[in-house]
Amino acid sequence: MIRFQQNARPRTDTPAHQFAIGQTVRMKSRTGLVQKTAELFQIKSRLPVKDGSPQYRIRSEQETHERVTTEDNLEPADNPVVANNPVVSDNSVVSDNPVV
């Protein structure tokens, strides 16, 4: 017979997921060398922890299927942010700093 505690506390030893749904990631190289193709994947969903590492369902635009992998196989994709560049919209320049 299985008994449940009424005032059970949530487990705190479960690692938290590092990546958010929709975030772009890449698979880590298993050999330590740069991969031939730096294929990017998007996090589609978070899955339960397996062997101490959170799992994710990921998908690449170049593939017709989804993959399941653990967090220790993923790294964030580098998305360089260009600072202090004006944004061009409708042939006019828009700036974050208004002229006073």
C-alpha atoms as a PDB file:
ATOM      1  CA  MET A   1       0.000   0.000   0.000  1.00  0.00           C
ATOM      2  CA  ILE A   2       1.272   3.471  -0.885  1.00  0.00           C
ATOM      3  CA  ARG A   3       0.737   6.230   1.631  1.00  0.00           C
ATOM      4  CA  PHE A   4       1.142   9.915   0.956  1.00  0.00           C
ATOM      5  CA  GLN A   5       2.030  12.515   3.517  1.00  0.00           C
ATOM      6  CA  GLN A   6      -0.521  15.252   3.811  1.00  0.00           C
ATOM      7  CA  ASN A   7       1.997  17.983   4.569  1.00  0.00           C
ATOM      8  CA  ALA A   8       4.814  16.745   2.351  1.00  0.00           C
ATOM      9  CA  ARG A   9       7.346  19.364   1.353  1.00  0.00           C
ATOM     10  CA  PRO A  10       8.418  19.651  -2.302  1.00  0.00           C
ATOM     11  CA  ARG A  11      11.765  18.073  -3.147  1.00  0.00           C
ATOM     12  CA  THR A  12      14.618  20.555  -3.175  1.00  0.00           C
ATOM     13  CA  ASP A  13      17.297  18.215  -4.516  1.00  0.00           C
ATOM     14  CA  THR A  14      15.905  18.219  -8.062  1.00  0.00           C
ATOM     15  CA  PRO A  15      18.014  20.452 -10.337  1.00  0.00           C
ATOM     16  CA  ALA A  16      16.234  23.388 -11.955  1.00  0.00           C
ATOM     17  CA  HIS A  17      16.011  23.719 -15.736  1.00  0.00           C
ATOM     18  CA  GLN A  18      18.577  26.209 -17.082  1.00  0.00           C
ATOM     19  CA  PHE A  19      16.945  26.851 -20.475  1.00  0.00           C
ATOM     20  CA  ALA A  20      13.563  28.429 -21.196  1.00  0.00           C
ATOM     21  CA  ILE A  21      10.963  27.188 -23.656  1.00  0.00           C
ATOM     22  CA  GLY A  22      11.610  28.931 -26.978  1.00  0.00           C
ATOM     23  CA  GLN A  23      15.306  29.552 -26.228  1.00  0.00           C
ATOM     24  CA  THR A  24      17.833  28.716 -28.962  1.00  0.00           C
ATOM     25  CA  VAL A  25      20.552  26.241 -28.001  1.00  0.00           C
ATOM     26  CA  ARG A  26      23.206  24.089 -29.644  1.00  0.00           C
ATOM     27  CA  MET A  27      24.422  20.591 -28.875  1.00  0.00           C
ATOM     28  CA  LYS A  28      27.784  20.417 -27.110  1.00  0.00           C
ATOM     29  CA  SER A  29      30.606  18.694 -28.926  1.00  0.00           C
ATOM     30  CA  ARG A  30      31.302  15.276 -27.425  1.00  0.00           C
ATOM     31  CA  THR A  31      34.953  15.238 -28.511  1.00  0.00           C
ATOM     32  CA  GLY A  32      35.859  18.766 -27.478  1.00  0.00           C
ATOM     33  CA  LEU A  33      36.300  19.768 -31.119  1.00  0.00           C
ATOM     34  CA  VAL A  34      34.185  22.259 -33.015  1.00  0.00           C
ATOM     35  CA  GLN A  35      31.293  20.537 -34.756  1.00  0.00           C
ATOM     36  CA  LYS A  36      31.177  20.620 -38.552  1.00  0.00           C
ATOM     37  CA  THR A  37      27.683  22.051 -38.451  1.00  0.00           C
ATOM     38  CA  ALA A  38      26.707  24.395 -35.686  1.00  0.00           C
ATOM     39  CA  GLU A  39      23.096  23.315 -35.867  1.00  0.00           C
ATOM     40  CA  LEU A  40      20.752  25.352 -33.733  1.00  0.00           C
ATOM     41  CA  PHE A  41      17.800  23.926 -31.862  1.00  0.00           C
ATOM     42  CA  GLN A  42      14.834  25.531 -30.169  1.00  0.00           C
ATOM     43  CA  ILE A  43      13.616  24.325 -26.780  1.00  0.00           C
ATOM     44  CA  LYS A  44      10.085  23.002 -27.311  1.00  0.00           C
ATOM     45  CA  SER A  45       9.341  21.697 -23.811  1.00  0.00           C
ATOM     46  CA  ARG A  46      10.894  20.851 -20.465  1.00  0.00           C
ATOM     47  CA  LEU A  47      10.866  17.222 -19.374  1.00  0.00           C
ATOM     48  CA  PRO A  48      11.563  15.529 -16.034  1.00  0.00           C
ATOM     49  CA  VAL A  49      15.075  15.045 -14.649  1.00  0.00           C
ATOM     50  CA  LYS A  50      16.933  11.923 -15.824  1.00  0.00           C
ATOM     51  CA  ASP A  51      20.099  10.752 -14.050  1.00  0.00           C
ATOM     52  CA  GLY A  52      20.426  14.104 -12.268  1.00  0.00           C
ATOM     53  CA  SER A  53      20.132  16.259 -15.410  1.00  0.00           C
ATOM     54  CA  PRO A  54      16.974  18.057 -16.605  1.00  0.00           C
ATOM     55  CA  GLN A  55      15.698  16.910 -20.013  1.00  0.00           C
ATOM     56  CA  TYR A  56      14.364  18.931 -22.931  1.00  0.00           C
ATOM     57  CA  ARG A  57      12.475  18.296 -26.144  1.00  0.00           C
ATOM     58  CA  ILE A  58      14.302  20.239 -28.878  1.00  0.00           C
ATOM     59  CA  ARG A  59      13.775  20.816 -32.593  1.00  0.00           C
ATOM     60  CA  SER A  60      15.859  22.086 -35.481  1.00  0.00           C
ATOM     61  CA  GLU A  61      14.369  23.833 -38.497  1.00  0.00           C
ATOM     62  CA  GLN A  62      16.470  21.545 -40.733  1.00  0.00           C
ATOM     63  CA  GLU A  63      14.891  18.359 -39.332  1.00  0.00           C
ATOM     64  CA  THR A  64      11.378  16.955 -39.505  1.00  0.00           C
ATOM     65  CA  HIS A  65      11.509  15.352 -36.047  1.00  0.00           C
ATOM     66  CA  GLU A  66      12.093  16.405 -32.452  1.00  0.00           C
ATOM     67  CA  ARG A  67      14.853  15.150 -30.172  1.00  0.00           C
ATOM     68  CA  VAL A  68      15.011  14.545 -26.433  1.00  0.00           C
ATOM     69  CA  THR A  69      18.275  15.337 -24.673  1.00  0.00           C
ATOM     70  CA  THR A  70      19.583  16.165 -21.246  1.00  0.00           C
ATOM     71  CA  GLU A  71      20.751  19.609 -20.187  1.00  0.00           C
ATOM     72  CA  ASP A  72      24.381  18.517 -19.923  1.00  0.00           C
ATOM     73  CA  ASN A  73      24.392  17.991 -23.722  1.00  0.00           C
ATOM     74  CA  LEU A  74      23.243  21.555 -24.468  1.00  0.00           C
ATOM     75  CA  GLU A  75      24.775  25.016 -24.423  1.00  0.00           C
ATOM     76  CA  PRO A  76      23.171  28.393 -25.105  1.00  0.00           C
ATOM     77  CA  ALA A  77      23.516  29.658 -28.667  1.00  0.00           C
ATOM     78  CA  ASP A  78      25.545  32.826 -28.890  1.00  0.00           C
ATOM     79  CA  ASN A  79      23.277  35.619 -29.985  1.00  0.00           C
ATOM     80  CA  PRO A  80      25.459  38.719 -30.084  1.00  0.00           C
ATOM     81  CA  VAL A  81      23.621  41.832 -29.046  1.00  0.00           C
ATOM     82  CA  VAL A  82      24.647  44.986 -30.879  1.00  0.00           C
ATOM     83  CA  ALA A  83      24.449  47.935 -28.495  1.00  0.00           C
ATOM     84  CA  ASN A  84      23.937  51.586 -29.352  1.00  0.00           C
ATOM     85  CA  ASN A  85      23.021  50.889 -32.984  1.00  0.00           C
ATOM     86  CA  PRO A  86      19.994  52.779 -34.274  1.00  0.00           C
ATOM     87  CA  VAL A  87      17.098  50.721 -35.569  1.00  0.00           C
ATOM     88  CA  VAL A  88      15.967  51.531 -39.105  1.00  0.00           C
ATOM     89  CA  SER A  89      12.216  51.345 -39.629  1.00  0.00           C
ATOM     90  CA  ASP A  90      10.195  52.661 -42.581  1.00  0.00           C
ATOM     91  CA  ASN A  91      13.241  54.513 -43.953  1.00  0.00           C
ATOM     92  CA  SER A  92      13.547  56.566 -40.765  1.00  0.00           C
ATOM     93  CA  VAL A  93      16.088  56.187 -37.979  1.00  0.00           C
ATOM     94  CA  VAL A  94      14.727  55.430 -34.537  1.00  0.00           C
ATOM     95  CA  SER A  95      17.001  55.814 -31.525  1.00  0.00           C
ATOM     96  CA  ASP A  96      16.713  54.782 -27.900  1.00  0.00           C
ATOM     97  CA  ASN A  97      17.979  58.212 -26.825  1.00  0.00           C
ATOM     98  CA  PRO A  98      15.547  61.030 -27.627  1.00  0.00           C
ATOM     99  CA  VAL A  99      17.023  64.408 -28.533  1.00  0.00           C
ATOM    100  CA  VAL A 100      16.296  66.953 -25.799  1.00  0.00           C
END
